[in-house]
Amino acid sequence: LWIDHTGQGAVEIAPCGDRICGRVVWLKNPGHKSKSGKLICGTQILGDLQRHPNNEWESGWIYNPEDEERFSAALKLANANTLIVTGYLGIKLLGETFTWKRSTGPLQLCAPPANRPT
């Protein structure tokens, strides 16, 4: 589980086929909704990321559930507890990069983890 750059949400990142995906499983405000009124908890926000050398995943997408916008994405594991997340349109160098931190404590999940029985 990774706490996003805002500290307001946590994303579970897990395999989905031969790639990785991620979805929101914790929110500081579990009732938080997108601008169109959809609940954000449980929303898939990462998809189709392919593993590359050096703890990197690329060629996938990231979805901003608040604004309901989707961007190309790349992830890089900086160390065991730090994930660098880049979202971009077209050229990665012109994208936005955020730092997510691994969750260190128990969280009251608002959606069940993907790899565990519900």
PDB file of N, CA and C in Angstrom:
ATOM      1  N   LEU A   1       0.850  -1.181   0.000  1.00  0.00           N
ATOM      2  CA  LEU A   1       0.000   0.000   0.000  1.00  0.00           C
ATOM      3  C   LEU A   1       0.885   1.230   0.000  1.00  0.00           C
ATOM      4  N   TRP A   2       0.523   2.196  -0.834  1.00  0.00           N
ATOM      5  CA  TRP A   2       1.299   3.425  -0.998  1.00  0.00           C
ATOM      6  C   TRP A   2       0.437   4.643  -0.685  1.00  0.00           C
ATOM      7  N   ILE A   3       0.936   5.507   0.188  1.00  0.00           N
ATOM      8  CA  ILE A   3       0.256   6.758   0.508  1.00  0.00           C
ATOM      9  C   ILE A   3       0.616   7.760  -0.591  1.00  0.00           C
ATOM     10  N   ASP A   4      -0.394   8.375  -1.189  1.00  0.00           N
ATOM     11  CA  ASP A   4      -0.126   9.302  -2.290  1.00  0.00           C
ATOM     12  C   ASP A   4       0.536  10.591  -1.787  1.00  0.00           C
ATOM     13  N   HIS A   5       0.941  11.424  -2.719  1.00  0.00           N
ATOM     14  CA  HIS A   5       1.679  12.647  -2.419  1.00  0.00           C
ATOM     15  C   HIS A   5       0.881  13.647  -1.590  1.00  0.00           C
ATOM     16  N   THR A   6      -0.441  13.526  -1.573  1.00  0.00           N
ATOM     17  CA  THR A   6      -1.259  14.451  -0.783  1.00  0.00           C
ATOM     18  C   THR A   6      -1.432  13.977   0.656  1.00  0.00           C
ATOM     19  N   GLY A   7      -1.187  12.692   0.898  1.00  0.00           N
ATOM     20  CA  GLY A   7      -1.429  12.112   2.214  1.00  0.00           C
ATOM     21  C   GLY A   7      -2.898  11.823   2.467  1.00  0.00           C
ATOM     22  N   GLN A   8      -3.739  12.040   1.464  1.00  0.00           N
ATOM     23  CA  GLN A   8      -5.187  11.882   1.612  1.00  0.00           C
ATOM     24  C   GLN A   8      -5.697  10.512   1.173  1.00  0.00           C
ATOM     25  N   GLY A   9      -4.845   9.730   0.483  1.00  0.00           N
ATOM     26  CA  GLY A   9      -5.304   8.437  -0.019  1.00  0.00           C
ATOM     27  C   GLY A   9      -4.181   7.424  -0.074  1.00  0.00           C
ATOM     28  N   ALA A  10      -4.570   6.146  -0.144  1.00  0.00           N
ATOM     29  CA  ALA A  10      -3.609   5.054  -0.289  1.00  0.00           C
ATOM     30  C   ALA A  10      -4.036   4.184  -1.463  1.00  0.00           C
ATOM     31  N   VAL A  11      -3.037   3.731  -2.214  1.00  0.00           N
ATOM     32  CA  VAL A  11      -3.252   2.933  -3.408  1.00  0.00           C
ATOM     33  C   VAL A  11      -2.601   1.572  -3.201  1.00  0.00           C
ATOM     34  N   GLU A  12      -3.366   0.532  -3.483  1.00  0.00           N
ATOM     35  CA  GLU A  12      -2.804  -0.815  -3.485  1.00  0.00           C
ATOM     36  C   GLU A  12      -2.322  -1.092  -4.900  1.00  0.00           C
ATOM     37  N   ILE A  13      -1.045  -1.436  -5.024  1.00  0.00           N
ATOM     38  CA  ILE A  13      -0.470  -1.782  -6.317  1.00  0.00           C
ATOM     39  C   ILE A  13      -0.240  -3.281  -6.320  1.00  0.00           C
ATOM     40  N   ALA A  14      -0.753  -3.940  -7.364  1.00  0.00           N
ATOM     41  CA  ALA A  14      -0.705  -5.395  -7.424  1.00  0.00           C
ATOM     42  C   ALA A  14      -0.629  -5.859  -8.873  1.00  0.00           C
ATOM     43  N   PRO A  15      -0.186  -7.103  -9.087  1.00  0.00           N
ATOM     44  CA  PRO A  15      -0.172  -7.629 -10.453  1.00  0.00           C
ATOM     45  C   PRO A  15      -1.592  -7.721 -11.024  1.00  0.00           C
ATOM     46  N   CYS A  16      -1.690  -7.474 -12.319  1.00  0.00           N
ATOM     47  CA  CYS A  16      -2.928  -7.740 -13.055  1.00  0.00           C
ATOM     48  C   CYS A  16      -2.478  -8.332 -14.382  1.00  0.00           C
ATOM     49  N   GLY A  17      -2.482  -9.655 -14.426  1.00  0.00           N
ATOM     50  CA  GLY A  17      -1.904 -10.347 -15.567  1.00  0.00           C
ATOM     51  C   GLY A  17      -0.393 -10.208 -15.505  1.00  0.00           C
ATOM     52  N   ASP A  18       0.238  -9.874 -16.629  1.00  0.00           N
ATOM     53  CA  ASP A  18       1.690  -9.713 -16.659  1.00  0.00           C
ATOM     54  C   ASP A  18       2.113  -8.250 -16.440  1.00  0.00           C
ATOM     55  N   ARG A  19       1.203  -7.437 -15.992  1.00  0.00           N
ATOM     56  CA  ARG A  19       1.472  -6.020 -15.740  1.00  0.00           C
ATOM     57  C   ARG A  19       1.067  -5.688 -14.307  1.00  0.00           C
ATOM     58  N   ILE A  20       1.157  -4.419 -13.932  1.00  0.00           N
ATOM     59  CA  ILE A  20       0.675  -4.039 -12.608  1.00  0.00           C
ATOM     60  C   ILE A  20      -0.384  -2.950 -12.730  1.00  0.00           C
ATOM     61  N   CYS A  21      -1.243  -2.929 -11.730  1.00  0.00           N
ATOM     62  CA  CYS A  21      -2.346  -1.979 -11.648  1.00  0.00           C
ATOM     63  C   CYS A  21      -2.415  -1.461 -10.214  1.00  0.00           C
ATOM     64  N   GLY A  22      -3.220  -0.453 -10.006  1.00  0.00           N
ATOM     65  CA  GLY A  22      -3.401   0.067  -8.656  1.00  0.00           C
ATOM     66  C   GLY A  22      -4.777   0.679  -8.504  1.00  0.00           C
ATOM     67  N   ARG A  23      -5.298   0.568  -7.274  1.00  0.00           N
ATOM     68  CA  ARG A  23      -6.604   1.167  -7.009  1.00  0.00           C
ATOM     69  C   ARG A  23      -6.629   1.752  -5.612  1.00  0.00           C
ATOM     70  N   VAL A  24      -7.504   2.715  -5.432  1.00  0.00           N
ATOM     71  CA  VAL A  24      -7.646   3.405  -4.153  1.00  0.00           C
ATOM     72  C   VAL A  24      -8.316   2.461  -3.163  1.00  0.00           C
ATOM     73  N   VAL A  25      -7.657   2.247  -2.008  1.00  0.00           N
ATOM     74  CA  VAL A  25      -8.234   1.373  -0.976  1.00  0.00           C
ATOM     75  C   VAL A  25      -8.379   2.069   0.373  1.00  0.00           C
ATOM     76  N   TRP A  26      -7.877   3.293   0.487  1.00  0.00           N
ATOM     77  CA  TRP A  26      -8.017   4.065   1.721  1.00  0.00           C
ATOM     78  C   TRP A  26      -8.093   5.534   1.361  1.00  0.00           C
ATOM     79  N   LEU A  27      -8.982   6.237   2.033  1.00  0.00           N
ATOM     80  CA  LEU A  27      -9.082   7.690   1.907  1.00  0.00           C
ATOM     81  C   LEU A  27      -9.242   8.294   3.297  1.00  0.00           C
ATOM     82  N   LYS A  28      -8.587   9.413   3.519  1.00  0.00           N
ATOM     83  CA  LYS A  28      -8.757  10.110   4.788  1.00  0.00           C
ATOM     84  C   LYS A  28     -10.226  10.455   4.980  1.00  0.00           C
ATOM     85  N   ASN A  29     -10.882  10.806   3.875  1.00  0.00           N
ATOM     86  CA  ASN A  29     -12.326  11.064   3.859  1.00  0.00           C
ATOM     87  C   ASN A  29     -12.963  10.011   2.947  1.00  0.00           C
ATOM     88  N   PRO A  30     -13.412   8.863   3.494  1.00  0.00           N
ATOM     89  CA  PRO A  30     -13.914   7.761   2.663  1.00  0.00           C
ATOM     90  C   PRO A  30     -15.093   8.120   1.763  1.00  0.00           C
ATOM     91  N   GLY A  31     -15.804   9.183   2.084  1.00  0.00           N
ATOM     92  CA  GLY A  31     -16.945   9.590   1.275  1.00  0.00           C
ATOM     93  C   GLY A  31     -16.583  10.553   0.145  1.00  0.00           C
ATOM     94  N   HIS A  32     -15.282  10.808  -0.046  1.00  0.00           N
ATOM     95  CA  HIS A  32     -14.829  11.762  -1.064  1.00  0.00           C
ATOM     96  C   HIS A  32     -15.278  11.317  -2.455  1.00  0.00           C
ATOM     97  N   LYS A  33     -15.768  12.259  -3.250  1.00  0.00           N
ATOM     98  CA  LYS A  33     -16.306  11.948  -4.573  1.00  0.00           C
ATOM     99  C   LYS A  33     -15.608  12.752  -5.661  1.00  0.00           C
ATOM    100  N   SER A  34     -15.724  12.244  -6.890  1.00  0.00           N
ATOM    101  CA  SER A  34     -15.202  12.954  -8.058  1.00  0.00           C
ATOM    102  C   SER A  34     -16.101  14.139  -8.358  1.00  0.00           C
ATOM    103  N   LYS A  35     -15.697  14.954  -9.322  1.00  0.00           N
ATOM    104  CA  LYS A  35     -16.509  16.125  -9.659  1.00  0.00           C
ATOM    105  C   LYS A  35     -17.872  15.744 -10.223  1.00  0.00           C
ATOM    106  N   SER A  36     -18.004  14.502 -10.738  1.00  0.00           N
ATOM    107  CA  SER A  36     -19.312  14.066 -11.240  1.00  0.00           C
ATOM    108  C   SER A  36     -20.115  13.313 -10.179  1.00  0.00           C
ATOM    109  N   GLY A  37     -19.566  13.204  -8.959  1.00  0.00           N
ATOM    110  CA  GLY A  37     -20.302  12.593  -7.862  1.00  0.00           C
ATOM    111  C   GLY A  37     -20.037  11.118  -7.627  1.00  0.00           C
ATOM    112  N   LYS A  38     -19.067  10.514  -8.325  1.00  0.00           N
ATOM    113  CA  LYS A  38     -18.740   9.095  -8.116  1.00  0.00           C
ATOM    114  C   LYS A  38     -17.817   8.955  -6.911  1.00  0.00           C
ATOM    115  N   LEU A  39     -18.065   7.919  -6.099  1.00  0.00           N
ATOM    116  CA  LEU A  39     -17.164   7.632  -4.977  1.00  0.00           C
ATOM    117  C   LEU A  39     -15.799   7.248  -5.526  1.00  0.00           C
ATOM    118  N   ILE A  40     -14.747   7.771  -4.900  1.00  0.00           N
ATOM    119  CA  ILE A  40     -13.389   7.513  -5.366  1.00  0.00           C
ATOM    120  C   ILE A  40     -12.841   6.202  -4.813  1.00  0.00           C
ATOM    121  N   CYS A  41     -13.227   5.827  -3.609  1.00  0.00           N
ATOM    122  CA  CYS A  41     -12.703   4.610  -3.007  1.00  0.00           C
ATOM    123  C   CYS A  41     -13.036   3.400  -3.875  1.00  0.00           C
ATOM    124  N   GLY A  42     -12.022   2.585  -4.142  1.00  0.00           N
ATOM    125  CA  GLY A  42     -12.185   1.398  -4.977  1.00  0.00           C
ATOM    126  C   GLY A  42     -11.875   1.640  -6.438  1.00  0.00           C
ATOM    127  N   THR A  43     -11.692   2.889  -6.835  1.00  0.00           N
ATOM    128  CA  THR A  43     -11.422   3.227  -8.232  1.00  0.00           C
ATOM    129  C   THR A  43     -10.028   2.788  -8.646  1.00  0.00           C
ATOM    130  N   GLN A  44      -9.927   2.142  -9.798  1.00  0.00           N
ATOM    131  CA  GLN A  44      -8.615   1.804 -10.350  1.00  0.00           C
ATOM    132  C   GLN A  44      -8.001   3.086 -10.893  1.00  0.00           C
ATOM    133  N   ILE A  45      -6.773   3.392 -10.431  1.00  0.00           N
ATOM    134  CA  ILE A  45      -6.124   4.618 -10.887  1.00  0.00           C
ATOM    135  C   ILE A  45      -4.805   4.361 -11.617  1.00  0.00           C
ATOM    136  N   LEU A  46      -4.309   3.125 -11.594  1.00  0.00           N
ATOM    137  CA  LEU A  46      -3.113   2.751 -12.344  1.00  0.00           C
ATOM    138  C   LEU A  46      -3.430   1.523 -13.166  1.00  0.00           C
ATOM    139  N   GLY A  47      -2.902   1.458 -14.397  1.00  0.00           N
ATOM    140  CA  GLY A  47      -3.140   0.269 -15.208  1.00  0.00           C
ATOM    141  C   GLY A  47      -2.110   0.085 -16.305  1.00  0.00           C
ATOM    142  N   ASP A  48      -1.983  -1.163 -16.738  1.00  0.00           N
ATOM    143  CA  ASP A  48      -1.159  -1.558 -17.890  1.00  0.00           C
ATOM    144  C   ASP A  48       0.321  -1.218 -17.771  1.00  0.00           C
ATOM    145  N   LEU A  49       0.837  -1.066 -16.561  1.00  0.00           N
ATOM    146  CA  LEU A  49       2.250  -0.739 -16.404  1.00  0.00           C
ATOM    147  C   LEU A  49       3.115  -1.976 -16.618  1.00  0.00           C
ATOM    148  N   GLN A  50       4.086  -1.855 -17.508  1.00  0.00           N
ATOM    149  CA  GLN A  50       4.979  -2.960 -17.855  1.00  0.00           C
ATOM    150  C   GLN A  50       6.297  -2.819 -17.103  1.00  0.00           C
ATOM    151  N   ARG A  51       6.774  -3.969 -16.601  1.00  0.00           N
ATOM    152  CA  ARG A  51       8.041  -3.962 -15.857  1.00  0.00           C
ATOM    153  C   ARG A  51       9.206  -3.711 -16.816  1.00  0.00           C
ATOM    154  N   HIS A  52      10.121  -2.859 -16.367  1.00  0.00           N
ATOM    155  CA  HIS A  52      11.360  -2.566 -17.075  1.00  0.00           C
ATOM    156  C   HIS A  52      12.505  -2.784 -16.099  1.00  0.00           C
ATOM    157  N   PRO A  53      13.741  -2.808 -16.562  1.00  0.00           N
ATOM    158  CA  PRO A  53      14.872  -2.974 -15.636  1.00  0.00           C
ATOM    159  C   PRO A  53      14.934  -1.844 -14.613  1.00  0.00           C
ATOM    160  N   ASN A  54      15.707  -2.061 -13.571  1.00  0.00           N
ATOM    161  CA  ASN A  54      15.991  -1.053 -12.542  1.00  0.00           C
ATOM    162  C   ASN A  54      14.758  -0.607 -11.759  1.00  0.00           C
ATOM    163  N   ASN A  55      13.866  -1.541 -11.443  1.00  0.00           N
ATOM    164  CA  ASN A  55      12.677  -1.240 -10.638  1.00  0.00           C
ATOM    165  C   ASN A  55      11.823  -0.125 -11.236  1.00  0.00           C
ATOM    166  N   GLU A  56      11.612  -0.186 -12.546  1.00  0.00           N
ATOM    167  CA  GLU A  56      10.782   0.789 -13.237  1.00  0.00           C
ATOM    168  C   GLU A  56       9.633   0.084 -13.952  1.00  0.00           C
ATOM    169  N   TRP A  57       8.505   0.797 -14.047  1.00  0.00           N
ATOM    170  CA  TRP A  57       7.339   0.314 -14.777  1.00  0.00           C
ATOM    171  C   TRP A  57       6.897   1.457 -15.677  1.00  0.00           C
ATOM    172  N   GLU A  58       6.625   1.150 -16.937  1.00  0.00           N
ATOM    173  CA  GLU A  58       6.277   2.202 -17.892  1.00  0.00           C
ATOM    174  C   GLU A  58       5.173   1.737 -18.824  1.00  0.00           C
ATOM    175  N   SER A  59       4.833   2.617 -19.741  1.00  0.00           N
ATOM    176  CA  SER A  59       3.856   2.339 -20.806  1.00  0.00           C
ATOM    177  C   SER A  59       2.461   2.063 -20.265  1.00  0.00           C
ATOM    178  N   GLY A  60       2.150   2.602 -19.119  1.00  0.00           N
ATOM    179  CA  GLY A  60       0.829   2.421 -18.532  1.00  0.00           C
ATOM    180  C   GLY A  60       0.092   3.747 -18.435  1.00  0.00           C
ATOM    181  N   TRP A  61      -0.918   3.764 -17.577  1.00  0.00           N
ATOM    182  CA  TRP A  61      -1.718   4.976 -17.405  1.00  0.00           C
ATOM    183  C   TRP A  61      -2.003   5.222 -15.932  1.00  0.00           C
ATOM    184  N   ILE A  62      -2.295   6.483 -15.640  1.00  0.00           N
ATOM    185  CA  ILE A  62      -2.728   6.890 -14.308  1.00  0.00           C
ATOM    186  C   ILE A  62      -3.979   7.745 -14.484  1.00  0.00           C
ATOM    187  N   TYR A  63      -4.918   7.555 -13.577  1.00  0.00           N
ATOM    188  CA  TYR A  63      -6.210   8.237 -13.652  1.00  0.00           C
ATOM    189  C   TYR A  63      -6.361   9.113 -12.420  1.00  0.00           C
ATOM    190  N   ASN A  64      -6.715  10.374 -12.631  1.00  0.00           N
ATOM    191  CA  ASN A  64      -6.995  11.286 -11.528  1.00  0.00           C
ATOM    192  C   ASN A  64      -8.499  11.234 -11.285  1.00  0.00           C
ATOM    193  N   PRO A  65      -8.952  10.517 -10.254  1.00  0.00           N
ATOM    194  CA  PRO A  65     -10.389  10.341 -10.056  1.00  0.00           C
ATOM    195  C   PRO A  65     -11.129  11.619  -9.668  1.00  0.00           C
ATOM    196  N   GLU A  66     -10.437  12.583  -9.088  1.00  0.00           N
ATOM    197  CA  GLU A  66     -11.114  13.835  -8.734  1.00  0.00           C
ATOM    198  C   GLU A  66     -11.521  14.605  -9.988  1.00  0.00           C
ATOM    199  N   ASP A  67     -10.590  14.739 -10.924  1.00  0.00           N
ATOM    200  CA  ASP A  67     -10.855  15.494 -12.150  1.00  0.00           C
ATOM    201  C   ASP A  67     -11.318  14.608 -13.300  1.00  0.00           C
ATOM    202  N   GLU A  68     -11.276  13.290 -13.082  1.00  0.00           N
ATOM    203  CA  GLU A  68     -11.675  12.294 -14.088  1.00  0.00           C
ATOM    204  C   GLU A  68     -10.857  12.437 -15.367  1.00  0.00           C
ATOM    205  N   GLU A  69      -9.532  12.576 -15.194  1.00  0.00           N
ATOM    206  CA  GLU A  69      -8.611  12.681 -16.324  1.00  0.00           C
ATOM    207  C   GLU A  69      -7.612  11.541 -16.282  1.00  0.00           C
ATOM    208  N   ARG A  70      -7.217  11.056 -17.462  1.00  0.00           N
ATOM    209  CA  ARG A  70      -6.277   9.945 -17.573  1.00  0.00           C
ATOM    210  C   ARG A  70      -5.029  10.403 -18.329  1.00  0.00           C
ATOM    211  N   PHE A  71      -3.869   9.954 -17.829  1.00  0.00           N
ATOM    212  CA  PHE A  71      -2.584  10.341 -18.390  1.00  0.00           C
ATOM    213  C   PHE A  71      -1.723   9.091 -18.579  1.00  0.00           C
ATOM    214  N   SER A  72      -0.685   9.205 -19.392  1.00  0.00           N
ATOM    215  CA  SER A  72       0.326   8.156 -19.462  1.00  0.00           C
ATOM    216  C   SER A  72       1.066   8.171 -18.127  1.00  0.00           C
ATOM    217  N   ALA A  73       1.660   7.012 -17.766  1.00  0.00           N
ATOM    218  CA  ALA A  73       2.308   6.940 -16.456  1.00  0.00           C
ATOM    219  C   ALA A  73       3.573   6.095 -16.487  1.00  0.00           C
ATOM    220  N   ALA A  74       4.453   6.411 -15.540  1.00  0.00           N
ATOM    221  CA  ALA A  74       5.664   5.637 -15.288  1.00  0.00           C
ATOM    222  C   ALA A  74       5.898   5.641 -13.783  1.00  0.00           C
ATOM    223  N   LEU A  75       6.395   4.530 -13.271  1.00  0.00           N
ATOM    224  CA  LEU A  75       6.719   4.399 -11.847  1.00  0.00           C
ATOM    225  C   LEU A  75       8.169   3.984 -11.713  1.00  0.00           C
ATOM    226  N   LYS A  76       8.812   4.457 -10.656  1.00  0.00           N
ATOM    227  CA  LYS A  76      10.169   4.021 -10.346  1.00  0.00           C
ATOM    228  C   LYS A  76      10.278   3.861  -8.845  1.00  0.00           C
ATOM    229  N   LEU A  77      10.743   2.694  -8.434  1.00  0.00           N
ATOM    230  CA  LEU A  77      10.959   2.426  -7.016  1.00  0.00           C
ATOM    231  C   LEU A  77      12.320   3.013  -6.642  1.00  0.00           C
ATOM    232  N   ALA A  78      12.316   4.133  -5.913  1.00  0.00           N
ATOM    233  CA  ALA A  78      13.557   4.804  -5.522  1.00  0.00           C
ATOM    234  C   ALA A  78      14.268   4.015  -4.430  1.00  0.00           C
ATOM    235  N   ASN A  79      13.489   3.483  -3.486  1.00  0.00           N
ATOM    236  CA  ASN A  79      13.990   2.589  -2.444  1.00  0.00           C
ATOM    237  C   ASN A  79      12.786   1.798  -1.942  1.00  0.00           C
ATOM    238  N   ALA A  80      12.968   0.974  -0.943  1.00  0.00           N
ATOM    239  CA  ALA A  80      11.893   0.091  -0.485  1.00  0.00           C
ATOM    240  C   ALA A  80      10.647   0.837  -0.028  1.00  0.00           C
ATOM    241  N   ASN A  81      10.787   2.099   0.353  1.00  0.00           N
ATOM    242  CA  ASN A  81       9.659   2.851   0.900  1.00  0.00           C
ATOM    243  C   ASN A  81       9.274   4.091   0.110  1.00  0.00           C
ATOM    244  N   THR A  82       9.877   4.287  -1.064  1.00  0.00           N
ATOM    245  CA  THR A  82       9.630   5.486  -1.857  1.00  0.00           C
ATOM    246  C   THR A  82       9.377   5.122  -3.314  1.00  0.00           C
ATOM    247  N   LEU A  83       8.227   5.561  -3.817  1.00  0.00           N
ATOM    248  CA  LEU A  83       7.846   5.313  -5.200  1.00  0.00           C
ATOM    249  C   LEU A  83       7.706   6.657  -5.908  1.00  0.00           C
ATOM    250  N   ILE A  84       8.396   6.792  -7.030  1.00  0.00           N
ATOM    251  CA  ILE A  84       8.317   8.012  -7.839  1.00  0.00           C
ATOM    252  C   ILE A  84       7.282   7.758  -8.933  1.00  0.00           C
ATOM    253  N   VAL A  85       6.233   8.573  -8.961  1.00  0.00           N
ATOM    254  CA  VAL A  85       5.110   8.412  -9.892  1.00  0.00           C
ATOM    255  C   VAL A  85       5.098   9.601 -10.842  1.00  0.00           C
ATOM    256  N   THR A  86       5.143   9.318 -12.148  1.00  0.00           N
ATOM    257  CA  THR A  86       5.113  10.381 -13.149  1.00  0.00           C
ATOM    258  C   THR A  86       3.899  10.198 -14.040  1.00  0.00           C
ATOM    259  N   GLY A  87       3.110  11.251 -14.156  1.00  0.00           N
ATOM    260  CA  GLY A  87       1.974  11.276 -15.067  1.00  0.00           C
ATOM    261  C   GLY A  87       2.253  12.297 -16.154  1.00  0.00           C
ATOM    262  N   TYR A  88       1.938  11.958 -17.406  1.00  0.00           N
ATOM    263  CA  TYR A  88       2.282  12.867 -18.501  1.00  0.00           C
ATOM    264  C   TYR A  88       1.368  12.681 -19.701  1.00  0.00           C
ATOM    265  N   LEU A  89       1.347  13.704 -20.538  1.00  0.00           N
ATOM    266  CA  LEU A  89       0.677  13.663 -21.830  1.00  0.00           C
ATOM    267  C   LEU A  89       1.765  13.810 -22.880  1.00  0.00           C
ATOM    268  N   GLY A  90       1.960  12.800 -23.691  1.00  0.00           N
ATOM    269  CA  GLY A  90       2.960  12.890 -24.751  1.00  0.00           C
ATOM    270  C   GLY A  90       4.366  12.620 -24.275  1.00  0.00           C
ATOM    271  N   ILE A  91       5.059  13.646 -23.771  1.00  0.00           N
ATOM    272  CA  ILE A  91       6.472  13.546 -23.415  1.00  0.00           C
ATOM    273  C   ILE A  91       6.634  13.480 -21.900  1.00  0.00           C
ATOM    274  N   LYS A  92       7.308  12.425 -21.432  1.00  0.00           N
ATOM    275  CA  LYS A  92       7.471  12.220 -19.989  1.00  0.00           C
ATOM    276  C   LYS A  92       8.196  13.386 -19.315  1.00  0.00           C
ATOM    277  N   LEU A  93       9.154  14.006 -20.004  1.00  0.00           N
ATOM    278  CA  LEU A  93       9.900  15.123 -19.419  1.00  0.00           C
ATOM    279  C   LEU A  93       9.009  16.307 -19.068  1.00  0.00           C
ATOM    280  N   LEU A  94       7.861  16.422 -19.735  1.00  0.00           N
ATOM    281  CA  LEU A  94       6.953  17.531 -19.474  1.00  0.00           C
ATOM    282  C   LEU A  94       5.839  17.159 -18.493  1.00  0.00           C
ATOM    283  N   GLY A  95       5.944  15.970 -17.912  1.00  0.00           N
ATOM    284  CA  GLY A  95       4.915  15.507 -16.993  1.00  0.00           C
ATOM    285  C   GLY A  95       5.112  16.030 -15.579  1.00  0.00           C
ATOM    286  N   GLU A  96       4.232  15.575 -14.695  1.00  0.00           N
ATOM    287  CA  GLU A  96       4.335  15.893 -13.275  1.00  0.00           C
ATOM    288  C   GLU A  96       4.802  14.653 -12.536  1.00  0.00           C
ATOM    289  N   THR A  97       5.724  14.850 -11.615  1.00  0.00           N
ATOM    290  CA  THR A  97       6.272  13.741 -10.843  1.00  0.00           C
ATOM    291  C   THR A  97       5.930  13.941  -9.373  1.00  0.00           C
ATOM    292  N   PHE A  98       5.490  12.843  -8.743  1.00  0.00           N
ATOM    293  CA  PHE A  98       5.087  12.869  -7.340  1.00  0.00           C
ATOM    294  C   PHE A  98       5.810  11.762  -6.593  1.00  0.00           C
ATOM    295  N   THR A  99       5.967  11.943  -5.300  1.00  0.00           N
ATOM    296  CA  THR A  99       6.587  10.932  -4.449  1.00  0.00           C
ATOM    297  C   THR A  99       5.514  10.321  -3.562  1.00  0.00           C
ATOM    298  N   TRP A 100       5.378   9.006  -3.654  1.00  0.00           N
ATOM    299  CA  TRP A 100       4.466   8.262  -2.789  1.00  0.00           C
ATOM    300  C   TRP A 100       5.304   7.477  -1.790  1.00  0.00           C
ATOM    301  N   LYS A 101       4.803   7.344  -0.577  1.00  0.00           N
ATOM    302  CA  LYS A 101       5.509   6.618   0.484  1.00  0.00           C
ATOM    303  C   LYS A 101       4.744   5.354   0.855  1.00  0.00           C
ATOM    304  N   ARG A 102       5.492   4.301   1.146  1.00  0.00           N
ATOM    305  CA  ARG A 102       4.872   3.050   1.577  1.00  0.00           C
ATOM    306  C   ARG A 102       4.160   3.269   2.905  1.00  0.00           C
ATOM    307  N   SER A 103       2.970   2.705   3.040  1.00  0.00           N
ATOM    308  CA  SER A 103       2.224   2.798   4.286  1.00  0.00           C
ATOM    309  C   SER A 103       2.953   2.011   5.365  1.00  0.00           C
ATOM    310  N   THR A 104       3.099   2.618   6.527  1.00  0.00           N
ATOM    311  CA  THR A 104       3.823   1.951   7.603  1.00  0.00           C
ATOM    312  C   THR A 104       2.917   1.487   8.733  1.00  0.00           C
ATOM    313  N   GLY A 105       1.685   1.933   8.739  1.00  0.00           N
ATOM    314  CA  GLY A 105       0.787   1.551   9.823  1.00  0.00           C
ATOM    315  C   GLY A 105      -0.500   0.971   9.285  1.00  0.00           C
ATOM    316  N   PRO A 106      -1.311   0.431  10.179  1.00  0.00           N
ATOM    317  CA  PRO A 106      -2.594  -0.116   9.732  1.00  0.00           C
ATOM    318  C   PRO A 106      -3.530   1.004   9.275  1.00  0.00           C
ATOM    319  N   LEU A 107      -4.264   0.734   8.215  1.00  0.00           N
ATOM    320  CA  LEU A 107      -5.238   1.686   7.683  1.00  0.00           C
ATOM    321  C   LEU A 107      -6.613   1.045   7.699  1.00  0.00           C
ATOM    322  N   GLN A 108      -7.626   1.832   7.950  1.00  0.00           N
ATOM    323  CA  GLN A 108      -9.007   1.363   7.858  1.00  0.00           C
ATOM    324  C   GLN A 108      -9.393   1.443   6.379  1.00  0.00           C
ATOM    325  N   LEU A 109      -9.334   0.291   5.696  1.00  0.00           N
ATOM    326  CA  LEU A 109      -9.564   0.270   4.254  1.00  0.00           C
ATOM    327  C   LEU A 109     -11.021   0.565   3.915  1.00  0.00           C
ATOM    328  N   CYS A 110     -11.206   1.331   2.844  1.00  0.00           N
ATOM    329  CA  CYS A 110     -12.558   1.641   2.379  1.00  0.00           C
ATOM    330  C   CYS A 110     -12.952   0.735   1.218  1.00  0.00           C
ATOM    331  N   ALA A 111     -12.005  -0.066   0.725  1.00  0.00           N
ATOM    332  CA  ALA A 111     -12.260  -1.059  -0.326  1.00  0.00           C
ATOM    333  C   ALA A 111     -11.381  -2.264  -0.016  1.00  0.00           C
ATOM    334  N   PRO A 112     -11.854  -3.482  -0.279  1.00  0.00           N
ATOM    335  CA  PRO A 112     -11.038  -4.654   0.018  1.00  0.00           C
ATOM    336  C   PRO A 112      -9.831  -4.742  -0.909  1.00  0.00           C
ATOM    337  N   PRO A 113      -8.678  -5.190  -0.384  1.00  0.00           N
ATOM    338  CA  PRO A 113      -7.502  -5.377  -1.243  1.00  0.00           C
ATOM    339  C   PRO A 113      -7.807  -6.398  -2.349  1.00  0.00           C
ATOM    340  N   ALA A 114      -7.208  -6.207  -3.502  1.00  0.00           N
ATOM    341  CA  ALA A 114      -7.488  -7.029  -4.679  1.00  0.00           C
ATOM    342  C   ALA A 114      -7.043  -8.473  -4.539  1.00  0.00           C
ATOM    343  N   ASN A 115      -5.929  -8.715  -3.847  1.00  0.00           N
ATOM    344  CA  ASN A 115      -5.377 -10.064  -3.789  1.00  0.00           C
ATOM    345  C   ASN A 115      -5.802 -10.850  -2.564  1.00  0.00           C
ATOM    346  N   ARG A 116      -6.816 -10.394  -1.870  1.00  0.00           N
ATOM    347  CA  ARG A 116      -7.313 -11.107  -0.696  1.00  0.00           C
ATOM    348  C   ARG A 116      -8.792 -11.415  -0.875  1.00  0.00           C
ATOM    349  N   PRO A 117      -9.255 -12.482  -0.246  1.00  0.00           N
ATOM    350  CA  PRO A 117     -10.697 -12.779  -0.375  1.00  0.00           C
ATOM    351  C   PRO A 117     -11.541 -11.659   0.182  1.00  0.00           C
ATOM    352  N   THR A 118     -12.687 -11.421  -0.455  1.00  0.00           N
ATOM    353  CA  THR A 118     -13.583 -10.357   0.021  1.00  0.00           C
ATOM    354  C   THR A 118     -14.652 -10.914   0.929  1.00  0.00           C
TER     355      THR A 118
END
